[in-house]
Amino acid sequence: MKMKIGLIIIAGALLISWGIKSKKQDNTEKRLPITGTWKLISGTLIEKGDTTVTWYTKDVSFIKIINDTHFAFLSHDLNKGKDSSAMYSSGGGSYSLKNNQYTEHLEYCNDRQW
């Protein structure tokens, strides 16, 4: 009797772990190609017809994290805030992706003037 219960528990655990593994594989197959953590090198902002290109390669570190529905960004100076270049910026929100057009909808930001 104890052996039957043990086998049932082991079989159940294997089925549960197989189900979890299968779910994880299904989720990764459906992921968008832009999901992940990215180090931003440059950014193009188009606002009211004006285009501004910013390079994030000198004195600044900038990462962007994108999941299936939202994005977040974090940026700070590389001098550890010890001179006039001290800065920190963060924010996030939802985004839309249609074909190759990625549009952010900022919902949170440490700069309250946004």
Protein backbone atom coordinates (compact mmCIF):
# COMPACT_ATOMS: atom_id res chain seq x y z
CA MET A 1 0.00 0.00 0.00
CA LYS A 2 2.79 2.43 0.92
CA MET A 3 4.54 1.61 -2.34
CA LYS A 4 1.40 2.39 -4.38
CA ILE A 5 0.98 5.75 -2.64
CA GLY A 6 4.66 6.53 -3.23
CA LEU A 7 4.37 5.68 -6.93
CA ILE A 8 1.22 7.80 -7.26
CA ILE A 9 2.98 10.77 -5.62
CA ILE A 10 6.04 10.38 -7.87
CA ALA A 11 3.85 10.02 -10.98
CA GLY A 12 1.87 13.12 -9.97
CA ALA A 13 5.05 15.12 -9.40
CA LEU A 14 6.38 14.10 -12.81
CA LEU A 15 3.13 15.10 -14.51
CA ILE A 16 3.09 18.46 -12.71
CA SER A 17 6.72 19.19 -13.58
CA TRP A 18 6.09 18.12 -17.20
CA GLY A 19 3.06 20.43 -17.32
CA ILE A 20 5.07 23.37 -15.98
CA LYS A 21 7.88 22.70 -18.45
CA SER A 22 5.42 22.49 -21.34
CA LYS A 23 3.80 25.77 -20.28
CA LYS A 24 7.17 27.51 -20.13
CA GLN A 25 8.05 26.26 -23.61
CA ASP A 26 4.69 27.46 -24.95
CA ASN A 27 5.22 30.93 -23.43
CA THR A 28 8.70 31.33 -24.91
CA GLU A 29 7.46 30.37 -28.35
CA LYS A 30 4.82 33.13 -28.21
CA ARG A 31 7.19 35.85 -26.99
CA LEU A 32 7.69 38.91 -29.10
CA PRO A 33 11.19 39.33 -30.54
CA ILE A 34 11.64 42.63 -28.69
CA THR A 35 11.13 41.19 -25.18
CA GLY A 36 14.18 41.20 -22.96
CA THR A 37 16.65 43.59 -21.35
CA TRP A 38 18.39 45.95 -23.73
CA LYS A 39 21.31 48.34 -23.35
CA LEU A 40 20.30 51.46 -25.16
CA ILE A 41 22.94 52.88 -27.50
CA SER A 42 20.88 55.61 -29.16
CA GLY A 43 17.32 56.81 -29.13
CA THR A 44 15.17 58.74 -31.57
CA LEU A 45 12.36 60.89 -30.20
CA ILE A 46 9.74 62.21 -32.60
CA GLU A 47 7.51 64.75 -30.92
CA LYS A 48 5.19 67.18 -32.71
CA GLY A 49 7.12 66.73 -35.95
CA ASP A 50 10.54 67.40 -34.39
CA THR A 51 13.11 64.57 -34.36
CA THR A 52 15.87 64.37 -31.74
CA VAL A 53 18.55 61.66 -31.72
CA THR A 54 20.35 61.03 -28.43
CA TRP A 55 23.44 58.83 -28.03
CA TYR A 56 23.73 56.94 -24.73
CA THR A 57 27.32 55.80 -25.09
CA LYS A 58 29.30 58.48 -23.23
CA ASP A 59 29.05 59.10 -19.48
CA VAL A 60 25.59 57.47 -19.26
CA SER A 61 24.29 53.93 -18.82
CA PHE A 62 20.77 53.28 -20.04
CA ILE A 63 18.84 50.01 -20.05
CA LYS A 64 15.35 49.19 -21.20
CA ILE A 65 13.35 46.17 -20.08
CA ILE A 66 10.49 45.00 -22.30
CA ASN A 67 7.99 42.22 -21.57
CA ASP A 68 4.91 41.22 -23.55
CA THR A 69 2.86 44.25 -22.49
CA HIS A 70 5.05 46.85 -20.75
CA PHE A 71 8.43 48.54 -20.81
CA ALA A 72 10.64 50.17 -18.18
CA PHE A 73 13.80 52.22 -18.48
CA LEU A 74 16.59 53.09 -16.07
CA SER A 75 19.39 55.56 -16.75
CA HIS A 76 22.17 57.05 -14.66
CA ASP A 77 25.47 58.83 -15.06
CA LEU A 78 28.66 56.78 -14.93
CA ASN A 79 30.42 59.19 -12.54
CA LYS A 80 28.33 57.91 -9.63
CA GLY A 81 26.73 61.31 -9.12
CA LYS A 82 29.98 62.97 -8.05
CA ASP A 83 30.10 65.88 -10.47
CA SER A 84 27.87 68.18 -12.53
CA SER A 85 26.82 65.29 -14.80
CA ALA A 86 24.90 63.62 -11.93
CA MET A 87 21.59 62.30 -13.18
CA TYR A 88 19.09 59.49 -12.70
CA SER A 89 16.00 58.79 -14.76
CA SER A 90 13.44 56.00 -14.72
CA GLY A 91 9.99 55.32 -16.02
CA GLY A 92 7.75 52.87 -17.74
CA GLY A 93 4.35 52.06 -19.10
CA SER A 94 2.63 50.11 -21.83
CA TYR A 95 3.55 50.02 -25.49
CA SER A 96 2.04 49.10 -28.81
CA LEU A 97 3.75 47.25 -31.63
CA LYS A 98 2.27 47.22 -35.11
CA ASN A 99 4.48 45.71 -37.80
CA ASN A 100 7.79 47.51 -37.15
CA GLN A 101 6.25 50.58 -35.42
CA TYR A 102 7.00 50.56 -31.66
CA THR A 103 5.18 53.25 -29.65
CA GLU A 104 5.54 53.81 -25.91
CA HIS A 105 2.74 55.06 -23.66
CA LEU A 106 4.55 56.51 -20.63
CA GLU A 107 2.61 55.97 -17.39
CA TYR A 108 5.32 56.34 -14.74
CA CYS A 109 8.35 58.62 -14.64
CA ASN A 110 10.57 60.16 -12.00
CA ASP A 111 10.52 63.46 -13.96
CA ARG A 112 7.06 64.68 -12.98
CA GLN A 113 6.96 67.25 -15.81
CA TRP A 114 6.44 64.57 -18.47
